[in-house]
């Protein structure tokens, strides 16, 4: 069925809008859907081409783009997904890996590399060792692959109705012109099931995207929060537990908590191994052994998979079971959960006035309240993290489950790898943008501390316990719980205590501003606890 777009047309002059009453059989003019064939919609002035984040000028020119900075508004407003529309500029780095183009490009890479591997196996006499010219020809197909090549594959797929077979046919067409390779065209996709190609293509896309795009932004976030921790290490702040005043901390120490938590997730990533299989239709090399019974196919395919930078999984069905993807996405989800916690805390601190936000000329906070400066970056971050986690959690729960030797449910799900990561990337960038706008309001922090002398009840009763003053806790409870407490009342109570003079003097000199324990030291030494070098990478 041909896709159509729904547009509105104006009512005829004098027509009155319907207020939702009962429908009438009488024809009436008014607003209604008019279905238009896509061909009648004027195409955007520029079309999206995908290039890697480190694309050379030559590749950009070949793809007819600079770096998507001119992403056309007409294209973005017609997109179904906001990642491909409104937010394209912020997630475009993922396109070379998770777009249809990215999947096809990695499939081509796997198919070509497998043919090259077969030519290196002396037992496969039908595929002699390729000459340097033939090797260069094949490598050039991978290196020069662009959006136009991907479109050629899609044209073939319209006929085959099979995406992986379309890649095989495309390569056979491309290599017909080379006399040496033309003789071995039937060894493209030799003994492979589609999932042999797909699982490696997805693995390569995922590993490259994480290492080149996602992890660097995660590290930027950790570094930004570490800077906050150190810069604000000395600034005292009233804590809140259950939303109520609690023992003071420092603003920097609270930031250090998040930096360390996020860093720990980074370390966990380095323990996750991206896996691949290449064992045929049900994981047993059935066709391989019939064609070449004397070859150690497990050894050859292990070498092949590992040559791509992927760890080999020998125990599989038709599919690689995707357990590593579930582990990876569970860890991303936990990183995201920590960042949601950070976003909500910063939002709360802004609400309390502890942070001001640097305004930008021309920006509007509310369509009706001109004074508003809303914490939109942290709200956007939180919202997109929730969306990212929803998709990533669904993938991690679904992908490891497949009926018997394989069903096709994982195939359509795997096409959404970039969706969960796309929303996550968008959230990370929003949080970073919000952090850059923050400005500490020390006067507001001091004001809250000055109004909560009751927080000194904890240290006073603790010192009383040390010197065996009876009912220390109960006496402070009677003095402070549910009552207004001032500097004067706390000092008068302290003066009345039967304590050594040294201890009493120490308590009398204590204020809510100075009662922060080791918070400042912990914040300034956060760099000792945060490791951004050995984490945040997939080996």
Protein backbone atom coordinates (compact mmCIF):
# COMPACT_ATOMS: atom_id res chain seq x y z
CA UNK A 1 0.00 0.00 0.00
CA UNK A 2 1.41 3.34 -1.00
CA UNK A 3 2.25 5.65 1.90
CA UNK A 4 0.32 8.88 2.10
CA UNK A 5 0.64 12.11 4.04
CA UNK A 6 -2.28 13.74 5.83
CA UNK A 7 -2.66 17.47 5.27
CA UNK A 8 -5.41 19.96 6.15
CA UNK A 9 -7.31 22.22 3.79
CA UNK A 10 -9.17 25.41 4.81
CA UNK A 11 -12.94 25.49 5.20
CA UNK A 12 -15.05 27.25 2.66
CA UNK A 13 -15.88 30.90 3.49
CA UNK A 14 -18.51 31.24 6.22
CA UNK A 15 -18.32 27.63 7.32
CA UNK A 16 -18.48 27.15 11.07
CA UNK A 17 -16.27 24.67 12.91
CA UNK A 18 -17.81 21.57 14.43
CA UNK A 19 -17.92 21.52 18.22
CA UNK A 20 -17.87 17.74 18.40
CA UNK A 21 -21.65 17.16 18.30
CA UNK A 22 -23.39 14.19 16.68
CA UNK A 23 -22.33 13.50 13.13
CA UNK A 24 -24.71 14.29 10.35
CA UNK A 25 -25.24 12.58 7.04
CA UNK A 26 -25.44 15.99 5.40
CA UNK A 27 -22.27 16.91 3.54
CA UNK A 28 -20.51 19.84 5.17
CA UNK A 29 -17.40 21.77 4.47
CA UNK A 30 -14.74 22.08 7.12
CA UNK A 31 -11.34 20.92 8.18
CA UNK A 32 -10.59 17.35 7.23
CA UNK A 33 -7.80 15.07 6.07
CA UNK A 34 -6.81 15.14 2.44
CA UNK A 35 -4.52 12.30 1.42
CA UNK A 36 -1.74 13.19 -0.94
CA UNK A 37 0.69 10.86 -2.64
CA UNK A 38 4.25 11.44 -1.43
CA UNK A 39 5.33 12.17 -5.00
CA UNK A 40 3.19 15.31 -4.94
CA UNK A 41 5.03 16.67 -1.90
CA UNK A 42 7.95 18.81 -2.93
CA UNK A 43 11.17 17.08 -1.81
CA UNK A 44 13.46 18.86 0.63
CA UNK A 45 16.18 21.05 -0.82
CA UNK A 46 18.87 18.74 0.53
CA UNK A 47 18.78 15.07 1.40
CA UNK A 48 20.39 13.44 4.40
CA UNK A 49 23.70 11.74 3.79
CA UNK A 50 25.51 9.95 6.55
CA UNK A 51 29.18 10.33 7.26
CA UNK A 52 31.26 9.22 10.18
CA UNK A 53 32.33 11.63 12.88
CA UNK A 54 35.88 11.52 11.55
CA UNK A 55 34.99 11.68 7.88
CA UNK A 56 37.57 13.12 5.56
CA UNK A 57 36.74 16.12 3.35
CA UNK A 58 36.82 13.73 0.40
CA UNK A 59 34.19 11.47 1.96
CA UNK A 60 32.02 14.44 2.88
CA UNK A 61 32.22 15.73 -0.68
CA UNK A 62 31.41 12.27 -2.00
CA UNK A 63 28.30 12.15 0.18
CA UNK A 64 27.37 15.69 -0.84
CA UNK A 65 27.33 17.03 2.73
CA UNK A 66 29.48 19.03 5.07
CA UNK A 67 28.52 17.77 8.50
CA UNK A 68 24.72 17.93 8.43
CA UNK A 69 24.73 21.50 9.71
CA UNK A 70 22.36 22.35 6.87
CA UNK A 71 19.92 19.58 7.79
CA UNK A 72 16.82 20.78 6.05
CA UNK A 73 13.86 21.97 8.12
CA UNK A 74 11.43 20.48 5.63
CA UNK A 75 12.99 17.05 6.13
CA UNK A 76 13.05 17.34 9.91
CA UNK A 77 9.43 18.45 10.16
CA UNK A 78 8.27 15.41 8.15
CA UNK A 79 10.16 12.90 10.33
CA UNK A 80 8.19 10.44 12.42
CA UNK A 81 10.85 10.14 15.11
CA UNK A 82 12.09 13.28 16.89
CA UNK A 83 15.59 11.78 16.77
CA UNK A 84 15.48 12.03 12.99
CA UNK A 85 13.74 15.38 13.05
CA UNK A 86 13.93 17.93 15.82
CA UNK A 87 17.00 16.42 17.44
CA UNK A 88 18.96 15.27 14.38
CA UNK A 89 21.70 17.84 14.90
CA UNK A 90 22.38 16.48 18.38
CA UNK A 91 22.47 12.77 17.53
CA UNK A 92 23.82 12.80 13.98
CA UNK A 93 27.08 11.16 15.11
CA UNK A 94 25.19 7.88 15.50
CA UNK A 95 23.91 7.81 11.91
CA UNK A 96 26.98 6.09 10.40
CA UNK A 97 26.46 3.21 12.80
CA UNK A 98 22.74 2.68 13.34
CA UNK A 99 21.05 4.01 10.21
CA UNK A 100 20.04 1.69 7.40
CA UNK A 101 23.12 2.92 5.59
CA UNK A 102 25.27 2.00 8.59
CA UNK A 103 23.87 -1.53 8.76
CA UNK A 104 24.36 -2.11 5.03
CA UNK A 105 27.90 -0.71 5.18
CA UNK A 106 28.88 -3.11 7.94
CA UNK A 107 27.22 -6.04 6.15
CA UNK A 108 29.31 -5.26 3.08
CA UNK A 109 32.41 -5.16 5.24
CA UNK A 110 31.70 -8.59 6.74
CA UNK A 111 30.89 -10.20 3.35
CA UNK A 112 34.05 -8.86 1.72
CA UNK A 113 36.29 -9.75 4.66
CA UNK A 114 34.90 -13.31 4.65
CA UNK A 115 35.78 -13.76 0.98
CA UNK A 116 39.27 -12.47 1.71
CA UNK A 117 39.55 -14.92 4.62
CA UNK A 118 38.54 -17.84 2.37
CA UNK A 119 41.25 -16.88 -0.11
CA UNK A 120 43.80 -17.24 2.70
CA UNK A 121 42.69 -20.79 3.53
CA UNK A 122 44.89 -23.19 1.50
CA UNK A 123 42.30 -25.97 1.86
CA UNK A 124 39.76 -23.90 -0.11
CA UNK A 125 41.55 -24.47 -3.41
CA UNK A 126 38.66 -23.04 -5.44
CA UNK A 127 39.48 -19.59 -4.02
CA UNK A 128 43.20 -19.04 -4.69
CA UNK A 129 45.17 -16.43 -2.77
CA UNK A 130 44.12 -13.08 -4.23
CA UNK A 131 46.67 -10.89 -5.93
CA UNK A 132 47.44 -7.49 -4.44
CA UNK A 133 45.32 -5.93 -7.15
CA UNK A 134 42.30 -8.09 -6.27
CA UNK A 135 42.77 -7.45 -2.55
CA UNK A 136 42.96 -3.72 -3.21
CA UNK A 137 39.81 -3.88 -5.34
CA UNK A 138 37.87 -5.57 -2.56
CA UNK A 139 39.19 -3.30 0.19
CA UNK A 140 38.26 -0.30 -1.93
CA UNK A 141 34.63 -1.46 -1.98
CA UNK A 142 34.62 -1.21 1.81
CA UNK A 143 36.58 2.03 2.01
CA UNK A 144 34.63 3.88 -0.66
CA UNK A 145 31.18 2.64 0.32
CA UNK A 146 28.80 5.62 0.45
CA UNK A 147 25.12 6.46 0.51
CA UNK A 148 24.77 5.89 -3.24
CA UNK A 149 26.09 2.34 -2.87
CA UNK A 150 23.62 1.75 -0.06
CA UNK A 151 20.81 2.93 -2.31
CA UNK A 152 21.92 0.43 -4.98
CA UNK A 153 21.58 -2.32 -2.39
CA UNK A 154 18.11 -1.07 -1.50
CA UNK A 155 17.09 -1.21 -5.16
CA UNK A 156 18.13 -4.85 -5.31
CA UNK A 157 16.26 -5.53 -2.08
CA UNK A 158 13.04 -4.33 -3.73
CA UNK A 159 13.37 -7.36 -6.01
CA UNK A 160 14.74 -9.93 -3.57
CA UNK A 161 12.68 -8.82 -0.58
CA UNK A 162 15.70 -9.98 1.43
CA UNK A 163 18.13 -7.43 2.78
CA UNK A 164 21.20 -9.65 3.26
CA UNK A 165 20.79 -11.42 -0.07
CA UNK A 166 20.62 -7.98 -1.67
CA UNK A 167 24.10 -7.25 -0.28
CA UNK A 168 25.43 -10.49 -1.77
CA UNK A 169 23.97 -9.68 -5.18
CA UNK A 170 25.29 -6.14 -5.01
CA UNK A 171 28.82 -7.41 -4.37
CA UNK A 172 28.59 -9.90 -7.22
CA UNK A 173 27.57 -7.10 -9.56
CA UNK A 174 30.40 -4.87 -8.34
CA UNK A 175 33.02 -7.59 -8.76
CA UNK A 176 32.01 -8.87 -12.20
CA UNK A 177 34.37 -6.38 -13.77
CA UNK A 178 37.42 -7.83 -12.02
CA UNK A 179 38.57 -10.98 -13.88
CA UNK A 180 40.19 -12.62 -10.87
CA UNK A 181 37.30 -12.08 -8.47
CA UNK A 182 34.72 -12.83 -11.16
CA UNK A 183 35.83 -16.47 -11.08
CA UNK A 184 34.90 -16.88 -7.40
CA UNK A 185 31.71 -14.85 -7.12
CA UNK A 186 29.80 -17.83 -5.68
CA UNK A 187 32.04 -17.70 -2.63
CA UNK A 188 30.46 -14.47 -1.50
CA UNK A 189 28.25 -15.45 1.45
CA UNK A 190 29.74 -18.95 1.35
CA UNK A 191 28.16 -21.32 3.92
CA UNK A 192 26.66 -18.33 5.69
CA UNK A 193 23.25 -17.79 7.13
CA UNK A 194 22.03 -14.21 7.15
CA UNK A 195 22.57 -13.99 10.88
CA UNK A 196 26.27 -14.75 10.45
CA UNK A 197 26.50 -11.47 8.59
CA UNK A 198 24.00 -9.54 10.68
CA UNK A 199 25.32 -10.38 14.13
CA UNK A 200 28.81 -9.21 13.16
CA UNK A 201 27.47 -6.08 11.47
CA UNK A 202 25.50 -5.18 14.61
CA UNK A 203 28.47 -5.99 16.83
CA UNK A 204 30.77 -3.74 14.80
CA UNK A 205 28.21 -0.93 14.75
CA UNK A 206 27.63 -1.18 18.48
CA UNK A 207 31.29 -1.35 19.45
CA UNK A 208 32.31 1.54 17.19
CA UNK A 209 29.38 3.73 18.24
CA UNK A 210 30.00 3.16 21.94
CA UNK A 211 33.74 3.76 21.73
CA UNK A 212 33.66 6.67 19.30
CA UNK A 213 30.45 8.50 20.24
CA UNK A 214 28.72 7.45 23.46
CA UNK A 215 31.67 6.91 25.79
CA UNK A 216 33.42 10.20 24.97
CA UNK A 217 30.27 12.13 25.94
CA UNK A 218 29.89 10.05 29.11
CA UNK A 219 33.48 10.97 29.99
CA UNK A 220 32.76 14.65 29.28
CA UNK A 221 29.87 14.45 31.74
CA UNK A 222 31.99 12.85 34.45
CA UNK A 223 34.71 15.45 33.93
CA UNK A 224 32.22 18.32 34.11
CA UNK A 225 30.78 17.00 37.37
CA UNK A 226 34.29 16.45 38.77
CA UNK A 227 35.06 20.10 38.02
CA UNK A 228 31.91 21.11 39.90
CA UNK A 229 32.99 18.94 42.83
CA UNK A 230 36.42 20.55 43.10
CA UNK A 231 35.35 24.14 42.43
CA UNK A 232 32.56 24.01 45.01
CA UNK A 233 34.28 21.72 47.51
CA UNK A 234 34.41 24.47 50.16
CA UNK A 235 30.85 25.81 49.79
CA UNK A 236 28.69 24.61 52.73
CA UNK A 237 25.17 23.48 51.94
CA UNK A 238 22.25 22.31 54.02
CA UNK A 239 21.51 18.66 53.37
CA UNK A 240 17.96 17.39 53.07
CA UNK A 241 16.85 13.91 53.97
CA UNK A 242 13.16 13.14 53.46
CA UNK A 243 13.01 16.72 52.19
CA UNK A 244 13.78 18.07 55.67
CA UNK A 245 16.89 19.89 56.96
CA UNK A 246 19.73 17.50 57.84
CA UNK A 247 23.43 17.64 58.72
CA UNK A 248 25.26 20.08 56.40
CA UNK A 249 27.50 18.99 53.57
CA UNK A 250 29.27 20.94 50.85
CA UNK A 251 27.97 21.52 47.37
CA UNK A 252 31.14 20.02 45.92
CA UNK A 253 30.83 16.83 47.97
CA UNK A 254 27.35 16.19 46.60
CA UNK A 255 28.70 16.59 43.07
CA UNK A 256 31.60 14.25 43.88
CA UNK A 257 29.11 11.55 44.84
CA UNK A 258 27.70 11.55 41.32
CA UNK A 259 31.09 11.69 39.63
CA UNK A 260 32.26 8.60 41.49
CA UNK A 261 29.03 6.68 40.84
CA UNK A 262 29.17 7.41 37.11
CA UNK A 263 32.86 6.50 36.99
CA UNK A 264 32.10 3.11 38.55
CA UNK A 265 29.68 2.40 35.71
CA UNK A 266 32.48 3.31 33.32
CA UNK A 267 34.74 0.66 34.84
CA UNK A 268 32.01 -1.93 34.35
CA UNK A 269 31.90 -1.28 30.60
CA UNK A 270 35.51 -2.40 30.21
CA UNK A 271 34.55 -5.86 31.46
CA UNK A 272 31.93 -6.41 28.74
CA UNK A 273 33.08 -8.34 25.67
CA UNK A 274 31.34 -7.86 22.33
CA UNK A 275 30.68 -11.31 20.89
CA UNK A 276 30.13 -12.71 17.42
CA UNK A 277 29.28 -16.03 15.81
CA UNK A 278 29.89 -17.42 12.34
CA UNK A 279 28.76 -21.03 12.56
CA UNK A 280 26.05 -21.30 9.94
CA UNK A 281 22.34 -22.05 10.01
CA UNK A 282 22.08 -23.62 13.48
CA UNK A 283 25.55 -23.10 14.92
CA UNK A 284 27.08 -26.46 13.95
CA UNK A 285 28.92 -25.75 10.65
CA UNK A 286 26.63 -28.26 8.91
CA UNK A 287 27.04 -26.91 5.37
CA UNK A 288 30.73 -26.15 5.93
CA UNK A 289 31.52 -29.75 6.85
CA UNK A 290 29.68 -31.16 3.86
CA UNK A 291 31.52 -28.88 1.41
CA UNK A 292 34.97 -29.17 3.04
CA UNK A 293 34.96 -31.99 5.61
CA UNK A 294 38.67 -31.79 6.43
CA UNK A 295 38.79 -28.11 7.37
CA UNK A 296 38.75 -27.00 11.02
CA UNK A 297 35.92 -24.53 10.53
CA UNK A 298 35.70 -23.58 14.17
CA UNK A 299 39.30 -22.41 14.08
CA UNK A 300 38.95 -20.51 10.80
CA UNK A 301 35.74 -18.73 11.82
CA UNK A 302 37.18 -17.89 15.24
CA UNK A 303 40.18 -16.28 13.54
CA UNK A 304 37.85 -14.42 11.20
CA UNK A 305 35.59 -13.03 13.93
CA UNK A 306 38.56 -12.01 16.07
CA UNK A 307 40.20 -10.30 13.08
CA UNK A 308 37.25 -7.89 13.13
CA UNK A 309 37.97 -6.94 16.74
CA UNK A 310 35.12 -9.06 18.14
CA UNK A 311 35.35 -11.93 20.61
CA UNK A 312 34.28 -15.32 19.28
CA UNK A 313 31.30 -17.21 20.68
CA UNK A 314 31.48 -20.91 19.72
CA UNK A 315 28.27 -22.04 21.43
CA UNK A 316 25.35 -20.61 19.51
CA UNK A 317 22.23 -21.49 17.56
CA UNK A 318 21.41 -19.67 14.33
CA UNK A 319 21.94 -16.45 16.27
CA UNK A 320 24.47 -15.11 18.70
CA UNK A 321 22.32 -15.07 21.87
CA UNK A 322 22.81 -11.33 22.50
CA UNK A 323 23.60 -11.74 26.20
CA UNK A 324 26.42 -9.24 25.87
CA UNK A 325 24.02 -6.65 24.42
CA UNK A 326 21.73 -7.14 27.40
CA UNK A 327 24.68 -6.71 29.77
CA UNK A 328 25.87 -3.62 27.92
CA UNK A 329 22.46 -1.96 27.83
CA UNK A 330 21.77 -2.82 31.47
CA UNK A 331 24.94 -0.95 32.35
CA UNK A 332 23.99 2.01 30.15
CA UNK A 333 20.59 2.00 31.85
CA UNK A 334 22.23 2.13 35.28
CA UNK A 335 24.49 4.99 34.14
CA UNK A 336 21.34 6.74 32.96
CA UNK A 337 19.57 6.10 36.28
CA UNK A 338 22.42 7.79 38.13
CA UNK A 339 22.23 10.72 35.74
CA UNK A 340 18.46 10.98 36.32
CA UNK A 341 19.25 11.23 40.03
CA UNK A 342 21.74 14.00 39.24
CA UNK A 343 19.25 15.85 37.01
CA UNK A 344 16.56 15.75 39.68
CA UNK A 345 18.94 16.96 42.39
CA UNK A 346 20.19 19.85 40.28
CA UNK A 347 16.57 20.69 39.42
CA UNK A 348 15.79 20.76 43.16
CA UNK A 349 18.81 22.92 43.96
CA UNK A 350 17.76 25.38 41.25
CA UNK A 351 14.25 25.39 42.72
CA UNK A 352 15.72 26.20 46.15
CA UNK A 353 17.76 29.02 44.65
CA UNK A 354 21.12 27.36 45.30
CA UNK A 355 21.95 27.70 41.61
CA UNK A 356 21.17 30.54 39.25
CA UNK A 357 21.05 29.89 35.52
CA UNK A 358 22.96 32.09 33.12
CA UNK A 359 20.45 33.49 30.65
CA UNK A 360 20.92 33.67 26.92
CA UNK A 361 19.77 36.67 24.92
CA UNK A 362 16.62 35.95 22.95
CA UNK A 363 15.62 32.83 24.86
CA UNK A 364 12.11 32.56 26.35
CA UNK A 365 11.29 30.58 29.48
CA UNK A 366 7.49 30.79 29.38
CA UNK A 367 5.03 31.89 26.73
CA UNK A 368 3.04 33.81 29.33
CA UNK A 369 5.35 34.50 32.30
CA UNK A 370 8.21 36.69 31.07
CA UNK A 371 10.29 36.32 34.24
CA UNK A 372 10.75 32.54 33.97
CA UNK A 373 14.18 30.93 33.60
CA UNK A 374 13.31 27.26 33.64
CA UNK A 375 15.75 24.34 34.18
CA UNK A 376 14.82 22.94 30.78
CA UNK A 377 18.18 21.30 30.05
CA UNK A 378 17.93 19.05 33.10
CA UNK A 379 14.25 18.39 32.43
CA UNK A 380 15.01 17.46 28.82
CA UNK A 381 17.85 15.26 30.01
CA UNK A 382 15.62 13.45 32.51
CA UNK A 383 12.83 12.95 29.99
CA UNK A 384 15.12 11.58 27.30
CA UNK A 385 16.90 9.32 29.79
CA UNK A 386 13.51 7.82 30.66
CA UNK A 387 12.83 7.19 26.97
CA UNK A 388 16.31 5.79 26.43
CA UNK A 389 15.98 3.46 29.40
CA UNK A 390 12.58 2.26 28.23
CA UNK A 391 14.02 1.17 24.88
CA UNK A 392 17.30 -0.18 26.27
CA UNK A 393 15.48 -2.17 28.95
CA UNK A 394 13.09 -3.61 26.39
CA UNK A 395 16.06 -4.66 24.22
CA UNK A 396 17.96 -6.21 27.13
CA UNK A 397 14.90 -8.24 28.17
CA UNK A 398 13.86 -9.32 24.68
CA UNK A 399 17.08 -10.04 22.81
CA UNK A 400 18.38 -12.98 24.89
CA UNK A 401 15.12 -14.87 24.28
CA UNK A 402 14.59 -16.74 21.00
CA UNK A 403 12.48 -19.83 20.39
CA UNK A 404 14.49 -23.03 19.95
CA UNK A 405 17.25 -22.48 17.38
CA UNK A 406 15.90 -19.08 16.36
CA UNK A 407 12.84 -17.00 15.66
CA UNK A 408 12.79 -13.69 13.83
CA UNK A 409 11.70 -11.47 16.71
CA UNK A 410 15.24 -10.29 17.38
CA UNK A 411 15.68 -9.03 13.81
CA UNK A 412 13.18 -6.19 14.00
CA UNK A 413 14.20 -5.39 17.58
CA UNK A 414 17.89 -5.08 16.69
CA UNK A 415 17.07 -2.28 14.29
CA UNK A 416 16.37 -0.14 17.36
CA UNK A 417 19.85 -0.31 18.90
CA UNK A 418 20.42 3.30 17.94
CA UNK A 419 17.09 4.50 19.32
CA UNK A 420 17.82 3.87 23.00
CA UNK A 421 21.38 5.12 22.60
CA UNK A 422 20.13 8.12 20.61
CA UNK A 423 17.84 9.28 23.41
CA UNK A 424 20.66 8.66 25.90
CA UNK A 425 23.13 10.72 23.86
CA UNK A 426 20.58 13.51 23.58
CA UNK A 427 20.16 13.45 27.36
CA UNK A 428 23.90 13.56 28.03
CA UNK A 429 24.28 16.61 25.83
CA UNK A 430 21.34 18.34 27.50
CA UNK A 431 22.84 17.75 30.94
CA UNK A 432 26.21 19.09 29.78
CA UNK A 433 24.52 22.16 28.35
CA UNK A 434 22.68 22.72 31.62
CA UNK A 435 25.85 22.39 33.69
CA UNK A 436 27.50 25.15 31.66
CA UNK A 437 24.67 27.54 32.60
CA UNK A 438 24.87 26.98 36.37
CA UNK A 439 26.05 29.70 38.71
CA UNK A 440 26.26 29.10 42.47
CA UNK A 441 24.17 31.44 44.64
CA UNK A 442 26.20 31.39 47.86
CA UNK A 443 24.05 33.98 49.61
CA UNK A 444 21.00 31.71 49.27
CA UNK A 445 22.97 28.71 50.55
CA UNK A 446 24.14 30.73 53.55
CA UNK A 447 20.62 31.95 54.24
CA UNK A 448 19.29 28.40 54.60
CA UNK A 449 22.14 27.40 56.88
CA UNK A 450 21.64 30.45 59.08
CA UNK A 451 17.99 29.51 59.59
CA UNK A 452 18.61 25.88 60.63
CA UNK A 453 20.65 25.87 63.84
CA UNK A 454 18.74 22.77 64.87
CA UNK A 455 21.14 20.71 62.73
CA UNK A 456 23.70 21.15 65.51
CA UNK A 457 21.60 18.89 67.74
CA UNK A 458 23.43 15.92 66.24
CA UNK A 459 27.01 16.95 67.14
CA UNK A 460 26.00 18.25 70.58
CA UNK A 461 24.29 15.02 71.62
CA UNK A 462 27.17 12.98 70.18
CA UNK A 463 29.72 14.87 72.30
CA UNK A 464 27.41 14.54 75.31
CA UNK A 465 27.39 10.78 74.80
CA UNK A 466 31.19 10.76 74.70
CA UNK A 467 31.33 12.34 78.12
CA UNK A 468 28.55 10.14 79.52
CA UNK A 469 25.95 12.85 79.91
CA UNK A 470 22.71 10.92 80.60
CA UNK A 471 19.82 11.03 78.11
CA UNK A 472 21.83 13.07 75.62
CA UNK A 473 19.61 12.23 72.65
CA UNK A 474 16.39 12.76 74.56
CA UNK A 475 17.46 16.17 75.85
CA UNK A 476 18.27 17.41 72.34
CA UNK A 477 15.03 15.93 71.03
CA UNK A 478 13.12 17.90 73.66
CA UNK A 479 14.98 21.08 72.72
CA UNK A 480 14.70 20.87 68.92
CA UNK A 481 12.02 18.51 67.57
CA UNK A 482 9.15 20.50 66.11
CA UNK A 483 10.37 23.71 67.70
CA UNK A 484 11.96 26.90 66.42
CA UNK A 485 15.68 26.77 67.18
CA UNK A 486 17.98 29.78 67.02
CA UNK A 487 21.66 30.43 67.47
CA UNK A 488 20.89 31.86 70.92
CA UNK A 489 18.87 28.89 72.15
CA UNK A 490 21.51 26.41 70.98
CA UNK A 491 24.31 28.39 72.66
CA UNK A 492 22.37 28.72 75.92
CA UNK A 493 21.74 24.97 75.98
CA UNK A 494 25.42 24.25 75.28
CA UNK A 495 26.57 26.64 78.01
CA UNK A 496 24.42 24.75 80.53
CA UNK A 497 26.03 21.38 79.82
CA UNK A 498 28.35 19.69 82.26
CA UNK A 499 31.21 19.16 79.80
CA UNK A 500 34.96 19.71 79.85
CA UNK A 501 35.68 23.32 78.87
CA UNK A 502 37.61 22.28 75.77
CA UNK A 503 34.65 20.28 74.46
CA UNK A 504 32.21 23.04 75.35
CA UNK A 505 34.32 25.67 73.58
CA UNK A 506 34.47 23.51 70.49
CA UNK A 507 30.68 23.17 70.44
CA UNK A 508 30.17 26.89 71.04
CA UNK A 509 32.37 27.68 68.04
CA UNK A 510 30.47 25.25 65.83
CA UNK A 511 28.00 26.68 63.29
CA UNK A 512 25.81 25.13 60.59
CA UNK A 513 28.34 26.53 58.08
CA UNK A 514 31.33 24.80 59.68
CA UNK A 515 29.62 21.52 60.60
CA UNK A 516 30.48 19.74 57.35
CA UNK A 517 32.79 16.97 58.56
CA UNK A 518 35.16 15.67 55.86
CA UNK A 519 32.98 16.90 52.99
CA UNK A 520 35.48 19.40 51.63
CA UNK A 521 38.36 16.95 51.70
CA UNK A 522 36.28 14.26 50.01
CA UNK A 523 35.27 16.67 47.27
CA UNK A 524 38.78 17.97 46.56
CA UNK A 525 40.18 14.43 46.36
CA UNK A 526 37.47 13.15 44.01
CA UNK A 527 40.06 12.70 41.28
CA UNK A 528 41.58 9.83 43.28
CA UNK A 529 38.29 7.95 43.16
CA UNK A 530 37.32 8.68 39.55
CA UNK A 531 39.01 6.70 36.78
CA UNK A 532 38.20 7.96 33.30
CA UNK A 533 41.19 6.31 31.63
CA UNK A 534 40.66 2.60 32.18
CA UNK A 535 36.88 2.67 31.97
CA UNK A 536 34.37 3.74 29.35
CA UNK A 537 35.62 1.42 26.61
CA UNK A 538 34.63 -1.89 25.09
CA UNK A 539 37.72 -4.11 24.71
